[in-house]
Amino acid sequence: MQLYNQTIHLLKKEIVLEWRSKYAFNGVLLYVVSTVFICYMSFHLNPGFKNSPGYPIVWNILFWIIILFASVNAIAKSFMQESKSRLLYYYSIASPQAIILSKTIYNILLMSLLSALALPVYMLFFNNTLGDPLYYFLTVFLGSLSFSTVFTMISGIASKAGNNGTLMAILSFPVIIPIILILIRLSKAAMDGLQRSISYGDIGVLVAINVIVITTSLILFPFLWRD
């Protein structure tokens, strides 16, 4: 019960601070919209590309590239924006599990909201027919959840190494690659309107990866927090 109360209070703090400044949300939203517009201008230099067989594949992959880098920009600041004095204050009032849980939940909410806004903007510029729109939206949500859990854990580790951005990239690479491959396969199946039962195995693997990452965060973060 104490862990639950601490997590809820810290989560409220994260939401209130973001609501006051809107720094992360507005910055990442601007990045997504500008990137989509630049890609739109670039692709429309070749008018025939839209009717080519490879257009749906590029459409899908490009969307996940945009969401991936938006996640990095949004979540990398999870611990970088915290001053040493504030972290010391957290150390005296809350458990490390509550801190990492509140950061993870907040990042999941932030990325889910950004993804929910990014997909309609993306579809506005790049027309494409989704065979199973609801299933595609579910895949986008799973992707937002996966990116949030992985990058929050890596950001916490990097924060104890001087907020080294290179370290964050190196540590996240072997974890994020299989997630990206699964998400592309899931979303392509949703685009083609295939039976949902075909993708249940991939969803199970994705859920298992998230459970492992969250469990690892809860186990390892207290040791990092003491340093």
C-alpha atoms as a PDB file:
ATOM      1  CA  MET A   1       0.000   0.000   0.000  1.00  0.00           C
ATOM      2  CA  GLN A   2       2.873   2.369   0.794  1.00  0.00           C
ATOM      3  CA  LEU A   3       4.463   1.674  -2.608  1.00  0.00           C
ATOM      4  CA  TYR A   4       1.122   2.364  -4.301  1.00  0.00           C
ATOM      5  CA  ASN A   5       0.621   5.699  -2.486  1.00  0.00           C
ATOM      6  CA  GLN A   6       4.169   6.853  -3.208  1.00  0.00           C
ATOM      7  CA  THR A   7       3.846   5.915  -6.878  1.00  0.00           C
ATOM      8  CA  ILE A   8       0.530   7.785  -7.248  1.00  0.00           C
ATOM      9  CA  HIS A   9       1.922  10.926  -5.568  1.00  0.00           C
ATOM     10  CA  LEU A  10       5.052  10.930  -7.714  1.00  0.00           C
ATOM     11  CA  LEU A  11       2.973  10.313 -10.844  1.00  0.00           C
ATOM     12  CA  LYS A  12       0.754  13.286  -9.978  1.00  0.00           C
ATOM     13  CA  LYS A  13       3.895  15.377  -9.524  1.00  0.00           C
ATOM     14  CA  GLU A  14       5.148  14.388 -12.994  1.00  0.00           C
ATOM     15  CA  ILE A  15       1.802  15.235 -14.592  1.00  0.00           C
ATOM     16  CA  VAL A  16       1.492  18.601 -12.792  1.00  0.00           C
ATOM     17  CA  LEU A  17       5.030  19.650 -13.763  1.00  0.00           C
ATOM     18  CA  GLU A  18       4.428  18.684 -17.392  1.00  0.00           C
ATOM     19  CA  TRP A  19       1.073  20.465 -17.427  1.00  0.00           C
ATOM     20  CA  ARG A  20       2.706  23.657 -16.175  1.00  0.00           C
ATOM     21  CA  SER A  21       5.626  23.696 -18.604  1.00  0.00           C
ATOM     22  CA  LYS A  22       4.461  21.372 -21.430  1.00  0.00           C
ATOM     23  CA  TYR A  23       8.119  21.271 -22.435  1.00  0.00           C
ATOM     24  CA  ALA A  24       8.412  17.589 -23.315  1.00  0.00           C
ATOM     25  CA  PHE A  25       4.973  17.271 -24.883  1.00  0.00           C
ATOM     26  CA  ASN A  26       5.179  20.373 -27.094  1.00  0.00           C
ATOM     27  CA  GLY A  27       8.770  19.651 -28.104  1.00  0.00           C
ATOM     28  CA  VAL A  28       8.095  16.069 -29.167  1.00  0.00           C
ATOM     29  CA  LEU A  29       4.798  16.986 -30.843  1.00  0.00           C
ATOM     30  CA  LEU A  30       6.618  19.650 -32.865  1.00  0.00           C
ATOM     31  CA  TYR A  31       9.260  17.077 -33.793  1.00  0.00           C
ATOM     32  CA  VAL A  32       6.629  14.579 -34.989  1.00  0.00           C
ATOM     33  CA  VAL A  33       4.645  17.101 -37.055  1.00  0.00           C
ATOM     34  CA  SER A  34       7.738  18.649 -38.641  1.00  0.00           C
ATOM     35  CA  THR A  35       9.232  15.240 -39.457  1.00  0.00           C
ATOM     36  CA  VAL A  36       5.999  14.049 -41.056  1.00  0.00           C
ATOM     37  CA  PHE A  37       5.778  17.244 -43.113  1.00  0.00           C
ATOM     38  CA  ILE A  38       9.406  16.949 -44.298  1.00  0.00           C
ATOM     39  CA  CYS A  39       8.831  13.329 -45.317  1.00  0.00           C
ATOM     40  CA  TYR A  40       5.647  14.352 -47.095  1.00  0.00           C
ATOM     41  CA  MET A  41       7.487  17.001 -49.094  1.00  0.00           C
ATOM     42  CA  SER A  42      10.313  14.583 -49.922  1.00  0.00           C
ATOM     43  CA  PHE A  43       8.063  11.726 -51.072  1.00  0.00           C
ATOM     44  CA  HIS A  44       5.859  13.955 -53.188  1.00  0.00           C
ATOM     45  CA  LEU A  45       8.878  14.916 -55.287  1.00  0.00           C
ATOM     46  CA  ASN A  46       8.257  11.496 -56.849  1.00  0.00           C
ATOM     47  CA  PRO A  47       4.506  11.398 -57.581  1.00  0.00           C
ATOM     48  CA  GLY A  48       4.531   7.816 -58.888  1.00  0.00           C
ATOM     49  CA  PHE A  49       5.821   6.371 -55.639  1.00  0.00           C
ATOM     50  CA  LYS A  50       2.386   6.524 -54.022  1.00  0.00           C
ATOM     51  CA  ASN A  51       1.023   3.906 -56.426  1.00  0.00           C
ATOM     52  CA  SER A  52       4.002   1.557 -56.210  1.00  0.00           C
ATOM     53  CA  PRO A  53       3.796  -1.855 -54.446  1.00  0.00           C
ATOM     54  CA  GLY A  54       6.424  -0.775 -51.912  1.00  0.00           C
ATOM     55  CA  TYR A  55       4.451   2.241 -50.681  1.00  0.00           C
ATOM     56  CA  PRO A  56       2.533   0.421 -47.868  1.00  0.00           C
ATOM     57  CA  ILE A  57       5.778  -1.115 -46.544  1.00  0.00           C
ATOM     58  CA  VAL A  58       7.585   2.248 -46.522  1.00  0.00           C
ATOM     59  CA  TRP A  59       4.479   3.860 -44.979  1.00  0.00           C
ATOM     60  CA  ASN A  60       4.572   1.422 -42.076  1.00  0.00           C
ATOM     61  CA  ILE A  61       8.319   1.496 -41.469  1.00  0.00           C
ATOM     62  CA  LEU A  62       8.526   5.291 -41.680  1.00  0.00           C
ATOM     63  CA  PHE A  63       5.808   5.670 -39.060  1.00  0.00           C
ATOM     64  CA  TRP A  64       7.690   3.467 -36.588  1.00  0.00           C
ATOM     65  CA  ILE A  65      10.947   5.325 -37.220  1.00  0.00           C
ATOM     66  CA  ILE A  66       9.213   8.604 -36.357  1.00  0.00           C
ATOM     67  CA  ILE A  67       7.639   7.154 -33.189  1.00  0.00           C
ATOM     68  CA  LEU A  68      10.944   5.560 -32.154  1.00  0.00           C
ATOM     69  CA  PHE A  69      12.901   8.802 -32.292  1.00  0.00           C
ATOM     70  CA  ALA A  70      10.028  10.716 -30.710  1.00  0.00           C
ATOM     71  CA  SER A  71      10.186   8.240 -27.816  1.00  0.00           C
ATOM     72  CA  VAL A  72      13.921   8.759 -27.419  1.00  0.00           C
ATOM     73  CA  ASN A  73      13.496  12.539 -27.349  1.00  0.00           C
ATOM     74  CA  ALA A  74      10.624  12.412 -24.863  1.00  0.00           C
ATOM     75  CA  ILE A  75      11.857   9.731 -22.466  1.00  0.00           C
ATOM     76  CA  ALA A  76      15.584  10.490 -22.441  1.00  0.00           C
ATOM     77  CA  LYS A  77      14.776  13.538 -20.306  1.00  0.00           C
ATOM     78  CA  SER A  78      13.084  11.453 -17.608  1.00  0.00           C
ATOM     79  CA  PHE A  79      16.072  11.598 -15.269  1.00  0.00           C
ATOM     80  CA  MET A  80      18.220  14.212 -17.027  1.00  0.00           C
ATOM     81  CA  GLN A  81      15.896  17.045 -16.004  1.00  0.00           C
ATOM     82  CA  GLU A  82      16.074  16.079 -12.330  1.00  0.00           C
ATOM     83  CA  SER A  83      18.623  18.047 -10.301  1.00  0.00           C
ATOM     84  CA  LYS A  84      20.839  16.326  -7.747  1.00  0.00           C
ATOM     85  CA  SER A  85      19.126  18.119  -4.869  1.00  0.00           C
ATOM     86  CA  ARG A  86      15.698  16.948  -6.045  1.00  0.00           C
ATOM     87  CA  LEU A  87      16.930  13.360  -6.416  1.00  0.00           C
ATOM     88  CA  LEU A  88      18.318  13.562  -2.890  1.00  0.00           C
ATOM     89  CA  TYR A  89      14.921  14.753  -1.681  1.00  0.00           C
ATOM     90  CA  TYR A  90      13.215  11.839  -3.433  1.00  0.00           C
ATOM     91  CA  TYR A  91      15.681   9.507  -1.749  1.00  0.00           C
ATOM     92  CA  SER A  92      14.465  10.668   1.664  1.00  0.00           C
ATOM     93  CA  ILE A  93      10.709  10.448   1.019  1.00  0.00           C
ATOM     94  CA  ALA A  94      10.116   7.605  -1.446  1.00  0.00           C
ATOM     95  CA  SER A  95      11.333   4.138  -2.327  1.00  0.00           C
ATOM     96  CA  PRO A  96      13.327   3.615  -5.548  1.00  0.00           C
ATOM     97  CA  GLN A  97      10.629   1.221  -6.824  1.00  0.00           C
ATOM     98  CA  ALA A  98       8.024   3.982  -6.536  1.00  0.00           C
ATOM     99  CA  ILE A  99      10.261   6.399  -8.435  1.00  0.00           C
ATOM    100  CA  ILE A 100      10.960   4.085 -11.371  1.00  0.00           C
ATOM    101  CA  LEU A 101       7.306   2.973 -11.500  1.00  0.00           C
ATOM    102  CA  SER A 102       6.005   6.554 -11.539  1.00  0.00           C
ATOM    103  CA  LYS A 103       8.477   7.498 -14.289  1.00  0.00           C
ATOM    104  CA  THR A 104       7.484   4.438 -16.337  1.00  0.00           C
ATOM    105  CA  ILE A 105       3.734   5.027 -15.980  1.00  0.00           C
ATOM    106  CA  TYR A 106       4.119   8.721 -16.791  1.00  0.00           C
ATOM    107  CA  ASN A 107       6.157   7.947 -19.918  1.00  0.00           C
ATOM    108  CA  ILE A 108       3.584   5.357 -21.014  1.00  0.00           C
ATOM    109  CA  LEU A 109       0.813   7.969 -20.691  1.00  0.00           C
ATOM    110  CA  LEU A 110       2.896  10.598 -22.482  1.00  0.00           C
ATOM    111  CA  MET A 111       3.860   8.323 -25.388  1.00  0.00           C
ATOM    112  CA  SER A 112       0.315   6.938 -25.713  1.00  0.00           C
ATOM    113  CA  LEU A 113      -1.034  10.471 -26.035  1.00  0.00           C
ATOM    114  CA  LEU A 114       1.659  11.484 -28.512  1.00  0.00           C
ATOM    115  CA  SER A 115       1.129   8.336 -30.588  1.00  0.00           C
ATOM    116  CA  ALA A 116      -2.643   8.891 -30.593  1.00  0.00           C
ATOM    117  CA  LEU A 117      -2.015  12.372 -32.004  1.00  0.00           C
ATOM    118  CA  ALA A 118       0.834  11.377 -34.326  1.00  0.00           C
ATOM    119  CA  LEU A 119      -1.046   8.619 -36.170  1.00  0.00           C
ATOM    120  CA  PRO A 120      -3.937  10.829 -37.391  1.00  0.00           C
ATOM    121  CA  VAL A 121      -1.438  13.522 -38.450  1.00  0.00           C
ATOM    122  CA  TYR A 122       0.616  10.895 -40.267  1.00  0.00           C
ATOM    123  CA  MET A 123      -2.468   9.466 -42.002  1.00  0.00           C
ATOM    124  CA  LEU A 124      -3.538  12.979 -42.988  1.00  0.00           C
ATOM    125  CA  PHE A 125      -0.316  13.524 -44.943  1.00  0.00           C
ATOM    126  CA  PHE A 126       0.238   9.939 -46.102  1.00  0.00           C
ATOM    127  CA  ASN A 127      -2.997   8.319 -47.224  1.00  0.00           C
ATOM    128  CA  ASN A 128      -3.121   4.577 -46.748  1.00  0.00           C
ATOM    129  CA  THR A 129      -5.880   2.022 -46.218  1.00  0.00           C
ATOM    130  CA  LEU A 130      -5.670  -0.008 -43.035  1.00  0.00           C
ATOM    131  CA  GLY A 131      -7.240  -3.448 -43.303  1.00  0.00           C
ATOM    132  CA  ASP A 132      -7.847  -3.579 -39.535  1.00  0.00           C
ATOM    133  CA  PRO A 133      -7.617  -0.034 -38.067  1.00  0.00           C
ATOM    134  CA  LEU A 134      -8.502  -1.084 -34.497  1.00  0.00           C
ATOM    135  CA  TYR A 135      -5.767  -3.716 -34.471  1.00  0.00           C
ATOM    136  CA  TYR A 136      -3.280  -1.210 -35.869  1.00  0.00           C
ATOM    137  CA  PHE A 137      -4.157   1.263 -33.098  1.00  0.00           C
ATOM    138  CA  LEU A 138      -3.647  -1.522 -30.549  1.00  0.00           C
ATOM    139  CA  THR A 139      -0.223  -2.215 -32.044  1.00  0.00           C
ATOM    140  CA  VAL A 140       0.660   1.484 -31.777  1.00  0.00           C
ATOM    141  CA  PHE A 141      -0.334   1.436 -28.098  1.00  0.00           C
ATOM    142  CA  LEU A 142       1.796  -1.672 -27.475  1.00  0.00           C
ATOM    143  CA  GLY A 143       4.678   0.062 -29.215  1.00  0.00           C
ATOM    144  CA  SER A 144       4.303   3.156 -27.032  1.00  0.00           C
ATOM    145  CA  LEU A 145       4.226   0.956 -23.933  1.00  0.00           C
ATOM    146  CA  SER A 146       7.307  -0.999 -25.028  1.00  0.00           C
ATOM    147  CA  PHE A 147       9.365   2.077 -25.901  1.00  0.00           C
ATOM    148  CA  SER A 148       8.403   3.708 -22.593  1.00  0.00           C
ATOM    149  CA  THR A 149       9.419   0.763 -20.406  1.00  0.00           C
ATOM    150  CA  VAL A 150      12.726   0.177 -22.196  1.00  0.00           C
ATOM    151  CA  PHE A 151      13.861   3.790 -22.490  1.00  0.00           C
ATOM    152  CA  THR A 152      12.806   4.652 -18.931  1.00  0.00           C
ATOM    153  CA  MET A 153      14.985   1.854 -17.559  1.00  0.00           C
ATOM    154  CA  ILE A 154      17.918   2.803 -19.809  1.00  0.00           C
ATOM    155  CA  SER A 155      17.509   6.485 -18.925  1.00  0.00           C
ATOM    156  CA  GLY A 156      17.716   5.605 -15.232  1.00  0.00           C
ATOM    157  CA  ILE A 157      20.942   3.659 -15.809  1.00  0.00           C
ATOM    158  CA  ALA A 158      22.447   6.412 -17.961  1.00  0.00           C
ATOM    159  CA  SER A 159      21.596   9.038 -15.335  1.00  0.00           C
ATOM    160  CA  LYS A 160      23.964   7.296 -12.911  1.00  0.00           C
ATOM    161  CA  ALA A 161      26.727   7.423 -15.524  1.00  0.00           C
ATOM    162  CA  GLY A 162      26.673  11.168 -15.994  1.00  0.00           C
ATOM    163  CA  ASN A 163      23.629  11.187 -18.304  1.00  0.00           C
ATOM    164  CA  ASN A 164      25.753   9.775 -21.095  1.00  0.00           C
ATOM    165  CA  GLY A 165      23.644   9.759 -24.270  1.00  0.00           C
ATOM    166  CA  THR A 166      26.025   7.361 -25.987  1.00  0.00           C
ATOM    167  CA  LEU A 167      25.604   4.847 -23.152  1.00  0.00           C
ATOM    168  CA  MET A 168      21.825   5.068 -23.481  1.00  0.00           C
ATOM    169  CA  ALA A 169      22.033   4.332 -27.216  1.00  0.00           C
ATOM    170  CA  ILE A 170      24.373   1.362 -26.698  1.00  0.00           C
ATOM    171  CA  LEU A 171      22.320  -0.183 -23.899  1.00  0.00           C
ATOM    172  CA  SER A 172      18.959   0.244 -25.623  1.00  0.00           C
ATOM    173  CA  PHE A 173      20.063  -1.070 -29.034  1.00  0.00           C
ATOM    174  CA  PRO A 174      19.953  -4.848 -28.302  1.00  0.00           C
ATOM    175  CA  VAL A 175      16.592  -4.535 -26.517  1.00  0.00           C
ATOM    176  CA  ILE A 176      14.818  -2.212 -28.929  1.00  0.00           C
ATOM    177  CA  ILE A 177      15.717  -4.058 -32.155  1.00  0.00           C
ATOM    178  CA  PRO A 178      13.577  -7.181 -31.458  1.00  0.00           C
ATOM    179  CA  ILE A 179      10.740  -4.926 -30.275  1.00  0.00           C
ATOM    180  CA  ILE A 180      10.868  -2.943 -33.525  1.00  0.00           C
ATOM    181  CA  LEU A 181      10.867  -6.121 -35.613  1.00  0.00           C
ATOM    182  CA  ILE A 182       7.827  -7.487 -33.761  1.00  0.00           C
ATOM    183  CA  LEU A 183       5.951  -4.176 -34.026  1.00  0.00           C
ATOM    184  CA  ILE A 184       6.585  -3.929 -37.773  1.00  0.00           C
ATOM    185  CA  ARG A 185       5.331  -7.491 -38.249  1.00  0.00           C
ATOM    186  CA  LEU A 186       2.229  -6.843 -36.127  1.00  0.00           C
ATOM    187  CA  SER A 187       1.372  -3.561 -37.804  1.00  0.00           C
ATOM    188  CA  LYS A 188       1.929  -5.021 -41.300  1.00  0.00           C
ATOM    189  CA  ALA A 189      -0.521  -7.816 -40.473  1.00  0.00           C
ATOM    190  CA  ALA A 190      -3.032  -5.181 -39.299  1.00  0.00           C
ATOM    191  CA  MET A 191      -2.517  -3.197 -42.503  1.00  0.00           C
ATOM    192  CA  ASP A 192      -3.167  -6.288 -44.622  1.00  0.00           C
ATOM    193  CA  GLY A 193      -6.278  -7.170 -42.606  1.00  0.00           C
ATOM    194  CA  LEU A 194      -5.017 -10.650 -41.685  1.00  0.00           C
ATOM    195  CA  GLN A 195      -6.688 -12.748 -38.997  1.00  0.00           C
ATOM    196  CA  ARG A 196      -5.809 -11.467 -35.542  1.00  0.00           C
ATOM    197  CA  SER A 197      -5.084 -14.964 -34.252  1.00  0.00           C
ATOM    198  CA  ILE A 198      -1.997 -15.096 -36.484  1.00  0.00           C
ATOM    199  CA  SER A 199      -0.367 -12.339 -34.413  1.00  0.00           C
ATOM    200  CA  TYR A 200      -1.216 -13.612 -30.926  1.00  0.00           C
ATOM    201  CA  GLY A 201       2.229 -15.180 -30.585  1.00  0.00           C
ATOM    202  CA  ASP A 202       3.965 -11.873 -31.394  1.00  0.00           C
ATOM    203  CA  ILE A 203       1.762 -10.028 -28.905  1.00  0.00           C
ATOM    204  CA  GLY A 204       2.658 -12.604 -26.250  1.00  0.00           C
ATOM    205  CA  VAL A 205       6.373 -12.095 -26.931  1.00  0.00           C
ATOM    206  CA  LEU A 206       5.958  -8.321 -26.743  1.00  0.00           C
ATOM    207  CA  VAL A 207       4.076  -8.538 -23.436  1.00  0.00           C
ATOM    208  CA  ALA A 208       6.732 -10.900 -22.064  1.00  0.00           C
ATOM    209  CA  ILE A 209       9.508  -8.452 -23.005  1.00  0.00           C
ATOM    210  CA  ASN A 210       7.699  -5.635 -21.210  1.00  0.00           C
ATOM    211  CA  VAL A 211       7.153  -7.741 -18.099  1.00  0.00           C
ATOM    212  CA  ILE A 212      10.839  -8.697 -18.054  1.00  0.00           C
ATOM    213  CA  VAL A 213      11.956  -5.081 -18.517  1.00  0.00           C
ATOM    214  CA  ILE A 214       9.682  -3.763 -15.749  1.00  0.00           C
ATOM    215  CA  THR A 215      10.719  -6.561 -13.386  1.00  0.00           C
ATOM    216  CA  THR A 216      14.388  -5.915 -14.131  1.00  0.00           C
ATOM    217  CA  SER A 217      13.868  -2.202 -13.470  1.00  0.00           C
ATOM    218  CA  LEU A 218      12.298  -2.890 -10.075  1.00  0.00           C
ATOM    219  CA  ILE A 219      15.179  -5.192  -9.142  1.00  0.00           C
ATOM    220  CA  LEU A 220      18.134  -3.176 -10.460  1.00  0.00           C
ATOM    221  CA  PHE A 221      17.062   0.420  -9.867  1.00  0.00           C
ATOM    222  CA  PRO A 222      17.331   0.264  -6.043  1.00  0.00           C
ATOM    223  CA  PHE A 223      21.008  -0.687  -6.402  1.00  0.00           C
ATOM    224  CA  LEU A 224      21.605   2.197  -8.838  1.00  0.00           C
ATOM    225  CA  TRP A 225      19.684   4.546  -6.567  1.00  0.00           C
ATOM    226  CA  ARG A 226      22.063   3.944  -3.646  1.00  0.00           C
ATOM    227  CA  ASP A 227      25.140   5.132  -5.603  1.00  0.00           C
END
